[in-house]
Protein backbone atom coordinates (compact mmCIF):
# COMPACT_ATOMS: atom_id res chain seq x y z
CA MET A 1 141.42 -45.60 6.47
CA ARG A 2 143.13 -42.31 6.31
CA CYS A 3 139.88 -40.48 7.01
CA LEU A 4 139.21 -42.68 10.03
CA TYR A 5 142.67 -41.94 11.38
CA LEU A 6 142.16 -38.22 11.06
CA ALA A 7 138.79 -38.43 12.81
CA ASN A 8 140.29 -40.32 15.77
CA LEU A 9 143.13 -37.85 16.01
CA PHE A 10 140.64 -34.94 16.11
CA GLU A 11 138.60 -36.57 18.91
CA PHE A 12 141.77 -37.25 20.94
CA GLY A 13 142.85 -33.60 20.75
CA LYS A 14 139.41 -32.40 21.72
CA SER A 15 139.25 -34.63 24.80
CA ARG A 16 142.74 -33.54 25.86
CA ARG A 17 141.78 -29.88 25.67
CA VAL A 18 138.75 -30.57 27.84
CA ARG A 19 140.82 -32.41 30.47
CA THR A 20 143.38 -29.58 30.53
CA ALA A 21 140.68 -26.97 31.31
CA GLU A 22 139.37 -28.91 34.35
CA PRO A 23 141.05 -27.98 37.72
CA THR A 24 143.40 -30.47 39.22
CA LEU A 25 143.21 -31.82 42.78
CA GLN A 26 146.09 -29.57 43.86
CA GLU A 27 144.39 -26.49 42.48
CA VAL A 28 141.15 -27.33 44.35
CA SER A 29 142.93 -27.94 47.67
CA SER A 30 145.13 -24.82 47.47
CA PRO A 31 143.76 -21.46 48.86
CA LYS A 32 142.18 -19.04 46.41
CA LYS A 33 144.37 -16.22 45.29
CA THR A 34 143.34 -12.69 46.49
CA GLU A 35 143.72 -9.34 44.91
CA THR A 36 146.63 -8.22 47.15
CA GLY A 37 148.47 -11.47 47.20
CA ASN A 38 149.45 -10.83 50.89
CA PRO A 39 147.83 -13.34 53.25
CA TYR A 40 148.16 -11.01 56.30
CA LEU A 41 146.43 -8.11 54.57
CA ASP A 42 143.81 -10.48 53.22
CA ALA A 43 143.13 -11.83 56.72
CA ARG A 44 142.86 -8.30 58.09
CA ALA A 45 140.42 -7.28 55.37
CA GLU A 46 138.28 -10.33 56.00
CA TYR A 47 138.32 -9.65 59.79
CA GLU A 48 137.21 -6.07 59.26
CA ASP A 49 134.46 -7.20 56.91
CA ARG A 50 133.12 -9.61 59.52
CA TYR A 51 133.65 -7.73 62.85
CA GLY A 52 134.37 -4.09 61.89
CA SER A 53 130.77 -2.92 62.28
CA VAL A 54 130.50 -4.64 65.67
CA ILE A 55 133.70 -2.95 66.92
CA LYS A 56 132.60 0.46 65.66
CA ALA A 57 129.19 0.09 67.30
CA ALA A 58 130.80 -0.91 70.61
CA ALA A 59 133.15 2.10 70.48
CA ARG A 60 130.24 4.42 69.72
CA TRP A 61 128.17 3.14 72.65
CA ARG A 62 131.23 3.40 74.89
CA GLN A 63 131.58 7.09 74.02
CA ILE A 64 127.87 7.68 74.61
CA SER A 65 128.13 5.97 78.01
CA ILE A 66 131.05 8.18 79.03
CA VAL A 67 129.16 11.35 78.02
CA LEU A 68 126.04 10.24 79.94
CA ALA A 69 128.18 9.47 83.00
CA PHE A 70 129.61 13.01 82.98
CA VAL A 71 126.15 14.54 82.50
CA THR A 72 124.75 12.50 85.39
CA LEU A 73 127.67 13.51 87.60
CA PHE A 74 127.13 17.20 86.74
CA PHE A 75 123.42 17.10 87.55
CA GLY A 76 124.12 15.17 90.75
CA VAL A 77 126.58 17.80 91.97
CA ALA A 78 124.15 20.58 90.98
CA MET A 79 121.30 18.96 92.91
CA ILE A 80 123.50 18.52 96.00
CA TRP A 81 124.54 22.19 95.80
CA LEU A 82 120.92 23.35 95.45
CA ALA A 83 119.82 21.13 98.33
CA ALA A 84 122.54 22.64 100.54
CA GLN A 85 121.28 26.19 99.93
CA ASN A 86 119.05 27.60 102.65
CA LYS A 87 116.41 29.57 100.78
CA VAL A 88 113.72 31.30 102.81
CA VAL A 89 111.12 33.20 100.78
CA PRO A 90 109.06 35.62 102.89
CA TYR A 91 105.39 36.10 102.16
CA ILE A 92 103.21 39.17 102.56
CA VAL A 93 99.76 38.57 104.00
CA GLN A 94 97.18 41.32 103.68
CA VAL A 95 94.23 41.35 106.04
CA ASP A 96 91.02 43.29 106.01
CA GLN A 97 89.49 45.26 108.88
CA HIS A 98 88.06 42.07 110.40
CA GLY A 99 91.42 40.31 110.48
CA TYR A 100 90.79 37.92 107.59
CA ALA A 101 93.49 37.29 105.00
CA VAL A 102 92.42 38.65 101.63
CA ALA A 103 95.62 38.23 99.60
CA ILE A 104 98.83 36.27 99.96
CA LYS A 105 101.82 36.82 97.70
CA SER A 106 105.53 36.13 97.69
CA ALA A 107 107.69 39.02 98.85
CA ARG A 108 110.41 38.51 96.28
CA GLU A 109 112.62 41.25 94.92
CA GLY A 110 110.19 42.03 92.14
CA SER A 111 107.42 42.81 94.65
CA ILE A 112 109.55 45.19 96.73
CA ALA A 113 108.76 47.99 94.31
CA ASP A 114 106.04 49.07 96.75
CA GLN A 115 107.45 52.30 98.19
CA ARG A 116 105.58 51.80 101.46
CA VAL A 117 107.76 48.80 102.28
CA VAL A 118 110.93 50.80 101.64
CA MET A 119 109.63 53.71 103.68
CA ALA A 120 108.80 51.45 106.62
CA THR A 121 112.27 49.88 106.58
CA LEU A 122 114.07 53.23 106.35
CA GLY A 123 111.90 54.81 109.04
CA ARG A 124 112.44 51.95 111.47
CA THR A 125 116.20 51.93 110.82
CA ILE A 126 116.60 55.68 111.38
CA MET A 127 114.55 55.58 114.57
CA ASP A 128 116.55 52.65 115.93
CA PHE A 129 119.79 54.37 114.91
CA ARG A 130 119.15 57.70 116.67
CA THR A 131 117.15 56.46 119.66
CA VAL A 132 118.89 56.11 123.04
CA VAL A 133 117.21 54.19 125.88
CA SER A 134 118.23 53.54 129.45
CA ASP A 135 117.92 49.76 129.23
CA SER A 136 121.25 48.38 127.97
CA ARG A 137 119.67 45.19 126.64
CA ALA A 138 117.05 47.12 124.69
CA GLN A 139 119.78 49.43 123.39
CA LYS A 140 121.76 46.45 122.09
CA GLN A 141 118.67 45.19 120.27
CA LEU A 142 118.29 48.57 118.60
CA ILE A 143 121.92 48.53 117.47
CA ASP A 144 121.60 44.99 116.10
CA SER A 145 118.45 46.00 114.23
CA VAL A 146 120.32 48.90 112.63
CA TYR A 147 123.23 46.78 111.43
CA ALA A 148 120.78 44.20 110.02
CA CYS A 149 119.67 46.84 107.48
CA ILE A 150 123.13 48.20 106.68
CA ALA A 151 125.09 46.71 103.79
CA ARG A 152 128.37 45.16 104.88
CA ASP A 153 131.62 46.90 103.94
CA SER A 154 129.70 49.90 102.65
CA ALA A 155 129.95 53.65 103.24
CA ALA A 156 126.81 53.49 105.37
CA GLU A 157 128.38 50.93 107.68
CA ALA A 158 131.43 53.15 108.13
CA SER A 159 129.20 56.15 108.94
CA VAL A 160 127.15 54.21 111.48
CA SER A 161 130.24 52.79 113.20
CA THR A 162 131.83 56.25 113.40
CA TYR A 163 128.66 57.72 114.92
CA TYR A 164 128.44 55.01 117.57
CA ARG A 165 132.11 55.49 118.41
CA ASP A 166 131.76 59.25 118.82
CA ASN A 167 128.31 59.13 120.46
CA ASN A 168 128.29 56.02 122.59
CA PRO A 169 124.66 55.47 123.66
CA TYR A 170 125.67 53.55 126.78
CA THR A 171 127.91 56.42 127.92
CA ALA A 172 125.19 58.99 127.29
CA VAL A 173 122.86 57.15 129.65
CA LYS A 174 125.39 56.43 132.38
CA GLU A 175 127.25 59.75 132.46
CA LYS A 176 124.85 62.35 131.07
CA LYS A 177 121.65 60.66 132.19
CA HIS A 178 120.18 61.50 128.82
CA THR A 179 117.90 59.51 126.60
CA LYS A 180 116.86 60.35 123.09
CA GLN A 181 113.77 59.66 121.07
CA ALA A 182 113.57 59.94 117.27
CA LYS A 183 110.33 60.61 115.42
CA ILE A 184 110.08 60.39 111.64
CA ARG A 185 108.53 63.43 109.93
CA SER A 186 108.85 62.57 106.25
CA ILE A 187 110.30 59.96 103.89
CA VAL A 188 110.24 60.81 100.17
CA PRO A 189 112.16 59.62 97.10
CA TYR A 190 115.19 61.72 96.28
CA GLU A 191 116.27 61.88 92.64
CA SER A 192 120.06 62.11 92.47
CA GLY A 193 122.47 61.07 89.74
CA GLY A 194 119.81 59.17 87.81
CA ALA A 195 119.46 56.55 90.56
CA LYS A 196 115.70 56.41 90.39
CA GLY A 197 114.10 54.60 93.32
CA LYS A 198 117.46 54.10 95.06
CA SER A 199 117.85 57.43 96.90
CA TRP A 200 115.56 58.64 99.67
CA LEU A 201 115.28 61.77 101.81
CA VAL A 202 114.41 61.15 105.45
CA LEU A 203 113.41 63.93 107.86
CA TRP A 204 113.02 63.34 111.59
CA THR A 205 112.92 65.03 114.96
CA GLU A 206 115.15 64.14 117.92
CA GLU A 207 113.97 64.86 121.45
CA THR A 208 116.56 64.69 124.21
CA LEU A 209 115.12 63.81 127.61
CA ALA A 210 116.53 64.03 131.14
CA ASP A 211 114.53 62.61 134.03
CA GLY A 212 111.53 62.33 131.73
CA TYR A 213 111.61 65.99 130.62
CA ILE A 214 112.39 67.24 127.14
CA ILE A 215 115.48 69.42 127.32
CA ASP A 216 116.31 69.74 123.63
CA VAL A 217 114.61 69.30 120.26
CA GLN A 218 116.52 69.12 116.97
CA GLN A 219 115.55 68.59 113.37
CA TRP A 220 117.66 66.25 111.25
CA ARG A 221 117.72 65.02 107.69
CA ALA A 222 119.46 62.19 105.87
CA ILE A 223 119.93 61.21 102.25
CA VAL A 224 120.25 57.45 101.96
CA GLN A 225 120.77 55.07 99.09
CA ILE A 226 119.44 51.54 99.20
CA ALA A 227 120.06 48.21 97.50
CA ILE A 228 117.90 45.12 97.44
CA SER A 229 119.40 41.68 97.94
CA PRO A 230 117.52 38.40 98.55
CA VAL A 231 117.77 37.10 102.12
CA ARG A 232 118.36 33.37 102.65
CA ASP A 233 119.52 33.15 106.25
CA LEU A 234 116.72 32.68 108.80
CA GLU A 235 118.25 35.09 111.31
CA LEU A 236 118.37 37.86 108.71
CA VAL A 237 114.84 37.06 107.58
CA LEU A 238 113.58 37.81 111.10
CA ARG A 239 115.30 41.22 111.10
CA ASN A 240 115.23 42.24 107.43
CA PRO A 241 112.83 39.90 105.60
CA LEU A 242 112.74 41.79 102.30
CA GLY A 243 116.49 42.35 102.00
CA ILE A 244 116.44 46.18 101.85
CA TYR A 245 119.93 47.44 102.73
CA ILE A 246 121.27 50.96 103.14
CA THR A 247 124.51 51.40 101.20
CA GLU A 248 125.16 55.14 101.71
CA MET A 249 123.89 57.59 104.31
CA SER A 250 124.59 61.29 104.69
CA ILE A 251 123.19 62.95 107.86
CA ALA A 252 123.02 66.68 108.63
CA ARG A 253 121.05 69.16 110.76
CA ASP A 254 117.88 70.39 109.16
CA ILE A 255 118.04 74.18 109.28
CA ALA A 256 114.62 74.79 107.77
């Protein structure tokens, strides 16, 4: 009997230990404890785990959209500015003895290295500058042609304006009844101060006429410096298509 009692007591203790280890209804229904023990921090951590990647991706795409909007705006403004520019590129057409075009090329700044083009521009400018005609309208066209090849606000412009003020071509025709004709004798490069290709020596002859007779002949020379600038305005293209401008001009009598 005593052994039976001890066996029952052992079984009762074992079953009680098993029932104690099982969770109660209150423990199952209550929320699970977290590491922090703060429900607000736990909720925040769970929210970031679920939606943090979505929020970060949305912020990243928002930044990319803002950058693309600025880039598009920049290119749009640049295209509007380029479209507003009036760019006229002259072309040189070479013809053979039969009048057929044999070569066509753009007359950009890089192709102006041909000295013949510079010589033609300087010769025409000097002749227009020193020629005096009786027709006032033709004289005005000569003066406009001269200023079209003179750089603005330069020493050459000041020299030309001073000459026209002291030797008014309209007064010479009306009062003195004189006209003047300039003929170019020579145009050669002039090396000065290391400005290779920028300085030129121009020699010409001036014949003064009265009633169609030559009354005086003088020899003149000029040292001029040039600069090349692209021409975009249509009116300037018609007068100075290659953008060759005289920046300095020194004129004196040729004693030789």
